[in-house]
Amino acid sequence: MENILLEDSDVLPVFGFAVLRADTDEPISTDNLLVGLASAAGTREILHAADVTRTVADSVYRRRRAGWHSDDRGGPVAIVVAEGGTPADFTAAAADALRRAGRAATAHGRDVCDSRDLLLALLDDDGNRASELLAACAVPVAALRESLEHDRPLRRADRVPRELHRIRDMLIGLTRYPRVPLWRNPLLAIVAPARPNLAPQPFVWLMLESREQAREHGRRRPGTDDALLALMAMHELSRYYPHLYEQPYDGAAALASAGVTYAALRHVSATADLGTDPRPLRRAVPRLPADTVELVRLLLADRHNRANRLLAAAGFGGVTV
């Protein structure tokens, strides 16, 4: 049994989170450690710069649990990570990472390793599950390692158009949607502050984002145009974060194939007089649609509503799905 002490306030919470994430009776693996590092004080900022937030890491981890290509080389290996603590079981790859982190701390004159030591140690093995998870998130591992080694910010071009930044930040959990009163919508009241990955739940995400679209235009209640804007933004973000989506948004994709873009609709919505919806959004979409194709058809069923007027003002009048 080995002793590799972790820094109390920085890394031990990561260890605690990893214990909760590990499958029953399974040793703690490198992917469990990486998910915890996404919110550790010493590594949170640099991982967030690579778009690896707790929301993203946890979502990809959950999706890959049944299909890892790496098994972290088995185990278990018993290691004590806290002074006076009991041993915990780690996979061989996780144990190797802890040893490397411990040696790095010693080389810098420290008795305990911190989260940056541990993250660098995980990155040193490109065959473990942590590296596989980062690869699934399209993270430039070499640039991430260099930033950690030289203690400087990660330099990475932002591929996402500026008009989608706010919605992207909501999607990956950098920010959260405003709280919704429980009496108004119990589901949204629970989901909004939790920062889950909303991409696999397009209609929950649509309800939250359409409210924000309306709020940006100074309206309290979302209209059919706000729902259309929200759906197009949600679809366009899938190009940049495919690892967060479980299925395509075919309704929005059909509009995109006709040339419709979020940027074009947003530009027009800022200045055009779209009038009022003959029916409020909750009546235009009175039921949970089977998919986004049905959603778009419901939104465009009334040729005189705000969604159709928005499309017409943007030069896409008459488009059908």
Protein backbone atom coordinates (compact mmCIF):
# COMPACT_ATOMS: atom_id res chain seq x y z
CA MET A 1 0.00 0.00 0.00
CA GLU A 2 1.30 3.44 -0.97
CA ASN A 3 0.91 6.92 0.50
CA ILE A 4 0.57 9.82 -1.96
CA LEU A 5 -0.79 12.84 -0.13
CA LEU A 6 -3.07 15.30 -1.90
CA GLU A 7 -3.41 19.00 -1.02
CA ASP A 8 -6.41 19.25 1.28
CA SER A 9 -8.34 22.24 -0.05
CA ASP A 10 -7.58 21.72 -3.74
CA VAL A 11 -7.35 18.04 -4.65
CA LEU A 12 -9.13 16.14 -1.89
CA PRO A 13 -12.54 17.42 -3.13
CA VAL A 14 -11.56 16.01 -6.54
CA PHE A 15 -10.85 12.69 -4.89
CA GLY A 16 -14.20 12.79 -3.10
CA PHE A 17 -16.00 13.52 -6.35
CA ALA A 18 -14.13 10.68 -8.07
CA VAL A 19 -15.29 8.26 -5.37
CA LEU A 20 -18.90 9.27 -6.01
CA ARG A 21 -18.47 8.92 -9.80
CA ALA A 22 -16.76 5.52 -9.73
CA ASP A 23 -19.00 2.53 -10.38
CA THR A 24 -19.85 0.37 -7.39
CA ASP A 25 -16.84 -1.74 -6.34
CA GLU A 26 -14.83 -0.40 -9.28
CA PRO A 27 -11.47 1.30 -8.68
CA ILE A 28 -11.24 5.05 -9.24
CA SER A 29 -10.15 5.71 -12.81
CA THR A 30 -8.44 8.59 -14.59
CA ASP A 31 -11.71 9.80 -16.11
CA ASN A 32 -13.24 10.04 -12.63
CA LEU A 33 -10.31 12.21 -11.57
CA LEU A 34 -10.54 14.43 -14.65
CA VAL A 35 -14.24 15.17 -14.12
CA GLY A 36 -13.41 16.33 -10.61
CA LEU A 37 -10.50 18.45 -11.82
CA ALA A 38 -12.91 20.42 -14.04
CA SER A 39 -14.12 22.21 -10.91
CA ALA A 40 -10.96 22.20 -8.76
CA ALA A 41 -9.65 25.65 -7.90
CA GLY A 42 -6.21 25.12 -9.42
CA THR A 43 -7.33 23.61 -12.74
CA ARG A 44 -10.83 24.94 -13.31
CA GLU A 45 -9.80 28.05 -15.24
CA ILE A 46 -7.45 26.35 -17.68
CA LEU A 47 -9.87 23.48 -18.37
CA HIS A 48 -12.69 25.97 -18.88
CA ALA A 49 -10.50 27.76 -21.45
CA ALA A 50 -10.52 24.45 -23.33
CA ASP A 51 -14.34 24.26 -22.98
CA VAL A 52 -14.05 21.42 -20.46
CA THR A 53 -16.38 22.45 -17.67
CA ARG A 54 -17.89 20.14 -15.07
CA THR A 55 -21.03 20.05 -17.24
CA VAL A 56 -19.08 19.00 -20.34
CA ALA A 57 -16.75 16.52 -18.63
CA ASP A 58 -19.57 14.85 -16.73
CA SER A 59 -21.76 14.62 -19.84
CA VAL A 60 -19.05 13.03 -21.99
CA TYR A 61 -18.09 10.74 -19.12
CA ARG A 62 -21.67 9.48 -18.80
CA ARG A 63 -21.99 8.87 -22.54
CA ARG A 64 -18.72 6.94 -22.79
CA ARG A 65 -19.07 4.76 -19.70
CA ALA A 66 -20.24 1.76 -21.72
CA GLY A 67 -17.77 2.21 -24.55
CA TRP A 68 -14.30 3.16 -23.35
CA HIS A 69 -11.46 2.13 -25.64
CA SER A 70 -9.04 2.31 -22.70
CA ASP A 71 -9.49 0.22 -19.57
CA ASP A 72 -6.93 2.24 -17.59
CA ARG A 73 -4.91 -0.99 -17.45
CA GLY A 74 -6.87 -2.66 -14.72
CA GLY A 75 -6.16 -2.59 -11.03
CA PRO A 76 -6.99 -2.15 -8.20
CA VAL A 77 -4.03 -0.40 -6.59
CA ALA A 78 -4.55 0.66 -2.96
CA ILE A 79 -3.29 4.18 -2.16
CA VAL A 80 -3.76 6.45 0.87
CA VAL A 81 -4.28 10.05 -0.29
CA ALA A 82 -5.00 11.85 3.01
CA GLU A 83 -3.05 12.00 6.26
CA GLY A 84 -4.47 9.30 8.53
CA GLY A 85 -6.96 8.25 5.85
CA THR A 86 -7.98 4.79 4.71
CA PRO A 87 -6.70 3.35 1.42
CA ALA A 88 -8.75 3.72 -1.75
CA ASP A 89 -8.59 1.57 -4.85
CA PHE A 90 -7.39 3.09 -8.13
CA THR A 91 -6.92 1.70 -11.60
CA ALA A 92 -3.30 1.11 -12.60
CA ALA A 93 -3.34 4.18 -14.87
CA ALA A 94 -4.80 6.38 -12.12
CA ALA A 95 -2.22 5.08 -9.65
CA ASP A 96 0.57 5.84 -12.13
CA ALA A 97 -0.78 9.38 -12.53
CA LEU A 98 -0.83 9.86 -8.75
CA ARG A 99 2.78 8.66 -8.54
CA ARG A 100 3.85 11.11 -11.26
CA ALA A 101 1.99 13.91 -9.49
CA GLY A 102 3.69 13.01 -6.22
CA ARG A 103 7.13 13.06 -7.84
CA ALA A 104 6.37 16.46 -9.43
CA ALA A 105 5.38 17.90 -6.05
CA THR A 106 8.57 16.56 -4.48
CA ALA A 107 10.65 18.06 -7.28
CA HIS A 108 9.13 21.45 -6.42
CA GLY A 109 9.82 21.05 -2.70
CA ARG A 110 6.24 20.22 -1.68
CA ASP A 111 5.03 17.36 0.49
CA VAL A 112 1.61 17.16 -1.16
CA CYS A 113 0.53 17.37 -4.78
CA ASP A 114 -2.00 19.88 -6.05
CA SER A 115 -4.57 19.76 -8.85
CA ARG A 116 -2.15 21.09 -11.48
CA ASP A 117 0.34 18.31 -10.63
CA LEU A 118 -2.45 15.77 -11.03
CA LEU A 119 -3.76 17.20 -14.32
CA LEU A 120 -0.27 17.24 -15.84
CA ALA A 121 0.24 13.67 -14.68
CA LEU A 122 -2.99 12.59 -16.36
CA LEU A 123 -1.94 14.29 -19.61
CA ASP A 124 1.40 12.43 -19.63
CA ASP A 125 -0.43 9.19 -20.53
CA ASP A 126 -2.21 9.49 -23.87
CA GLY A 127 -3.67 6.00 -23.50
CA ASN A 128 -5.73 6.50 -20.35
CA ARG A 129 -9.42 7.30 -20.08
CA ALA A 130 -8.79 10.91 -19.10
CA SER A 131 -6.96 11.49 -22.38
CA GLU A 132 -9.72 9.68 -24.24
CA LEU A 133 -12.30 11.95 -22.63
CA LEU A 134 -10.31 15.06 -23.58
CA ALA A 135 -9.95 13.79 -27.15
CA ALA A 136 -13.72 13.32 -27.33
CA CYS A 137 -14.04 17.01 -26.37
CA ALA A 138 -11.59 18.01 -29.16
CA VAL A 139 -9.16 19.44 -26.61
CA PRO A 140 -5.68 20.34 -27.91
CA VAL A 141 -3.84 18.25 -25.31
CA ALA A 142 -0.34 19.42 -26.34
CA ALA A 143 -1.35 23.09 -25.96
CA LEU A 144 -3.04 22.32 -22.64
CA ARG A 145 0.09 20.60 -21.32
CA GLU A 146 2.31 23.47 -22.47
CA SER A 147 0.08 26.01 -20.71
CA LEU A 148 0.27 24.05 -17.47
CA GLU A 149 4.02 23.55 -17.67
CA HIS A 150 4.67 27.25 -18.29
CA ASP A 151 1.89 28.49 -15.98
CA ARG A 152 0.24 30.66 -18.61
CA PRO A 153 -3.28 30.92 -20.02
CA LEU A 154 -4.34 28.50 -22.72
CA ARG A 155 -4.34 30.27 -26.07
CA ARG A 156 -7.11 28.90 -28.23
CA ALA A 157 -9.09 30.57 -31.02
CA ASP A 158 -12.79 30.78 -30.27
CA ARG A 159 -14.50 29.06 -33.20
CA VAL A 160 -17.99 29.99 -32.07
CA PRO A 161 -19.53 33.13 -33.65
CA ARG A 162 -19.94 36.01 -31.23
CA GLU A 163 -23.74 36.01 -31.46
CA LEU A 164 -23.77 32.47 -30.06
CA HIS A 165 -21.39 33.07 -27.14
CA ARG A 166 -24.08 33.63 -24.50
CA ILE A 167 -25.98 30.50 -25.53
CA ARG A 168 -22.75 28.49 -25.76
CA ASP A 169 -21.83 29.51 -22.23
CA MET A 170 -25.22 28.31 -21.03
CA LEU A 171 -24.81 25.00 -22.88
CA ILE A 172 -21.40 24.13 -21.45
CA GLY A 173 -22.21 25.34 -17.94
CA LEU A 174 -20.00 28.42 -17.73
CA THR A 175 -23.12 30.35 -16.83
CA ARG A 176 -26.66 29.29 -15.99
CA TYR A 177 -30.11 30.33 -17.04
CA PRO A 178 -31.97 32.65 -14.66
CA ARG A 179 -34.00 30.96 -11.99
CA VAL A 180 -37.62 30.20 -12.79
CA PRO A 181 -40.20 30.40 -9.97
CA LEU A 182 -41.36 26.96 -8.87
CA TRP A 183 -45.01 27.94 -9.21
CA ARG A 184 -44.50 29.06 -12.80
CA ASN A 185 -42.77 25.94 -14.12
CA PRO A 186 -41.57 23.25 -11.66
CA LEU A 187 -39.40 21.50 -14.27
CA LEU A 188 -37.55 24.66 -15.32
CA ALA A 189 -37.24 25.72 -11.68
CA ILE A 190 -35.21 22.55 -11.04
CA VAL A 191 -33.23 22.48 -14.29
CA ALA A 192 -32.23 26.15 -14.62
CA PRO A 193 -29.84 26.38 -11.63
CA ALA A 194 -28.40 22.86 -12.06
CA ARG A 195 -26.36 23.54 -15.22
CA PRO A 196 -26.94 20.12 -16.83
CA ASN A 197 -26.08 19.38 -20.44
CA LEU A 198 -29.29 20.52 -22.12
CA ALA A 199 -28.48 19.36 -25.65
CA PRO A 200 -30.04 15.87 -25.23
CA GLN A 201 -33.26 17.56 -23.98
CA PRO A 202 -34.03 20.01 -26.81
CA PHE A 203 -37.51 20.95 -25.64
CA VAL A 204 -36.41 21.76 -22.10
CA TRP A 205 -33.54 23.79 -23.54
CA LEU A 206 -35.93 25.49 -25.95
CA MET A 207 -38.21 26.58 -23.11
CA LEU A 208 -35.29 28.16 -21.26
CA GLU A 209 -33.62 29.75 -24.28
CA SER A 210 -36.82 31.15 -25.82
CA ARG A 211 -37.42 32.97 -22.52
CA GLU A 212 -33.97 34.53 -22.83
CA GLN A 213 -34.56 35.50 -26.45
CA ALA A 214 -37.74 37.32 -25.39
CA ARG A 215 -35.95 38.95 -22.46
CA GLU A 216 -33.24 40.29 -24.78
CA HIS A 217 -35.94 42.00 -26.83
CA GLY A 218 -37.61 43.48 -23.76
CA ARG A 219 -40.58 41.12 -23.66
CA ARG A 220 -41.72 39.05 -20.70
CA ARG A 221 -43.27 36.18 -22.65
CA PRO A 222 -41.63 34.35 -25.54
CA GLY A 223 -43.31 34.30 -28.93
CA THR A 224 -43.04 31.89 -31.84
CA ASP A 225 -40.15 33.95 -33.21
CA ASP A 226 -38.22 33.53 -29.96
CA ALA A 227 -38.70 29.76 -30.14
CA LEU A 228 -37.49 29.75 -33.74
CA LEU A 229 -34.42 31.80 -32.86
CA ALA A 230 -33.66 29.52 -29.92
CA LEU A 231 -33.93 26.38 -32.03
CA MET A 232 -31.62 27.70 -34.75
CA ALA A 233 -29.00 28.72 -32.17
CA MET A 234 -29.22 25.32 -30.48
CA HIS A 235 -28.74 23.58 -33.82
CA GLU A 236 -25.79 25.71 -34.91
CA LEU A 237 -23.92 25.02 -31.66
CA SER A 238 -23.97 21.30 -32.50
CA ARG A 239 -21.30 22.00 -35.14
CA TYR A 240 -18.88 23.03 -32.40
CA TYR A 241 -19.94 20.68 -29.60
CA PRO A 242 -21.10 17.43 -31.27
CA HIS A 243 -19.95 15.47 -28.20
CA LEU A 244 -22.80 17.03 -26.19
CA TYR A 245 -25.62 16.08 -28.57
CA GLU A 246 -27.31 12.70 -28.74
CA GLN A 247 -29.38 13.28 -31.88
CA PRO A 248 -29.54 15.87 -34.66
CA TYR A 249 -32.14 18.61 -34.58
CA ASP A 250 -33.65 17.68 -37.93
CA GLY A 251 -36.23 20.47 -37.95
CA ALA A 252 -33.60 23.16 -37.59
CA ALA A 253 -31.32 21.31 -40.03
CA ALA A 254 -34.06 21.45 -42.66
CA LEU A 255 -34.34 25.21 -42.23
CA ALA A 256 -30.56 25.54 -42.37
CA SER A 257 -30.51 23.62 -45.67
CA ALA A 258 -32.82 26.33 -47.07
CA GLY A 259 -30.26 28.96 -46.03
CA VAL A 260 -31.76 30.02 -42.71
CA THR A 261 -29.17 31.03 -40.10
CA TYR A 262 -29.38 32.27 -36.56
CA ALA A 263 -27.33 35.35 -37.40
CA ALA A 264 -29.69 36.38 -40.21
CA LEU A 265 -32.78 35.91 -38.07
CA ARG A 266 -31.23 37.67 -35.09
CA HIS A 267 -30.22 40.66 -37.20
CA VAL A 268 -33.75 41.09 -38.54
CA SER A 269 -35.43 40.46 -35.19
CA ALA A 270 -33.61 43.44 -33.69
CA THR A 271 -35.29 45.93 -36.03
CA ALA A 272 -38.34 44.37 -37.75
CA ASP A 273 -41.87 44.96 -36.53
CA LEU A 274 -43.21 41.42 -36.32
CA GLY A 275 -46.61 42.33 -34.89
CA THR A 276 -48.22 39.90 -32.48
CA ASP A 277 -48.79 36.18 -32.50
CA PRO A 278 -52.43 35.26 -33.23
CA ARG A 279 -51.98 32.58 -30.59
CA PRO A 280 -49.45 32.58 -27.73
CA LEU A 281 -46.55 30.17 -27.98
CA ARG A 282 -48.02 27.72 -25.49
CA ARG A 283 -51.07 27.34 -27.75
CA ALA A 284 -49.11 27.29 -30.99
CA VAL A 285 -47.17 24.36 -29.50
CA PRO A 286 -49.83 22.81 -27.24
CA ARG A 287 -48.11 19.46 -26.77
CA LEU A 288 -44.62 18.04 -26.50
CA PRO A 289 -43.56 17.46 -30.11
CA ALA A 290 -42.23 14.08 -31.17
CA ASP A 291 -39.12 15.74 -32.61
CA THR A 292 -37.83 19.08 -33.84
CA VAL A 293 -39.39 18.53 -37.29
CA GLU A 294 -42.84 18.49 -35.70
CA LEU A 295 -41.83 21.48 -33.57
CA VAL A 296 -40.94 23.56 -36.63
CA ARG A 297 -44.16 22.55 -38.37
CA LEU A 298 -46.17 23.64 -35.34
CA LEU A 299 -44.28 26.94 -35.15
CA LEU A 300 -44.92 27.66 -38.82
CA ALA A 301 -48.47 26.32 -39.01
CA ASP A 302 -49.99 29.80 -38.74
CA ARG A 303 -48.73 31.81 -41.73
CA HIS A 304 -49.45 35.08 -39.93
CA ASN A 305 -47.51 34.54 -36.72
CA ARG A 306 -44.25 36.15 -35.64
CA ALA A 307 -42.11 33.16 -36.64
CA ASN A 308 -43.33 33.30 -40.25
CA ARG A 309 -43.02 37.09 -40.33
CA LEU A 310 -39.44 36.80 -39.08
CA LEU A 311 -38.56 34.31 -41.81
CA ALA A 312 -40.19 36.52 -44.45
CA ALA A 313 -38.39 39.65 -43.22
CA ALA A 314 -35.08 37.77 -43.39
CA GLY A 315 -35.77 36.69 -46.97
CA PHE A 316 -36.91 33.14 -46.27
CA GLY A 317 -40.66 33.53 -46.76
CA GLY A 318 -42.50 30.39 -47.76
CA VAL A 319 -39.88 27.97 -46.45
CA THR A 320 -41.40 24.64 -45.41
CA VAL A 321 -40.22 21.57 -43.51
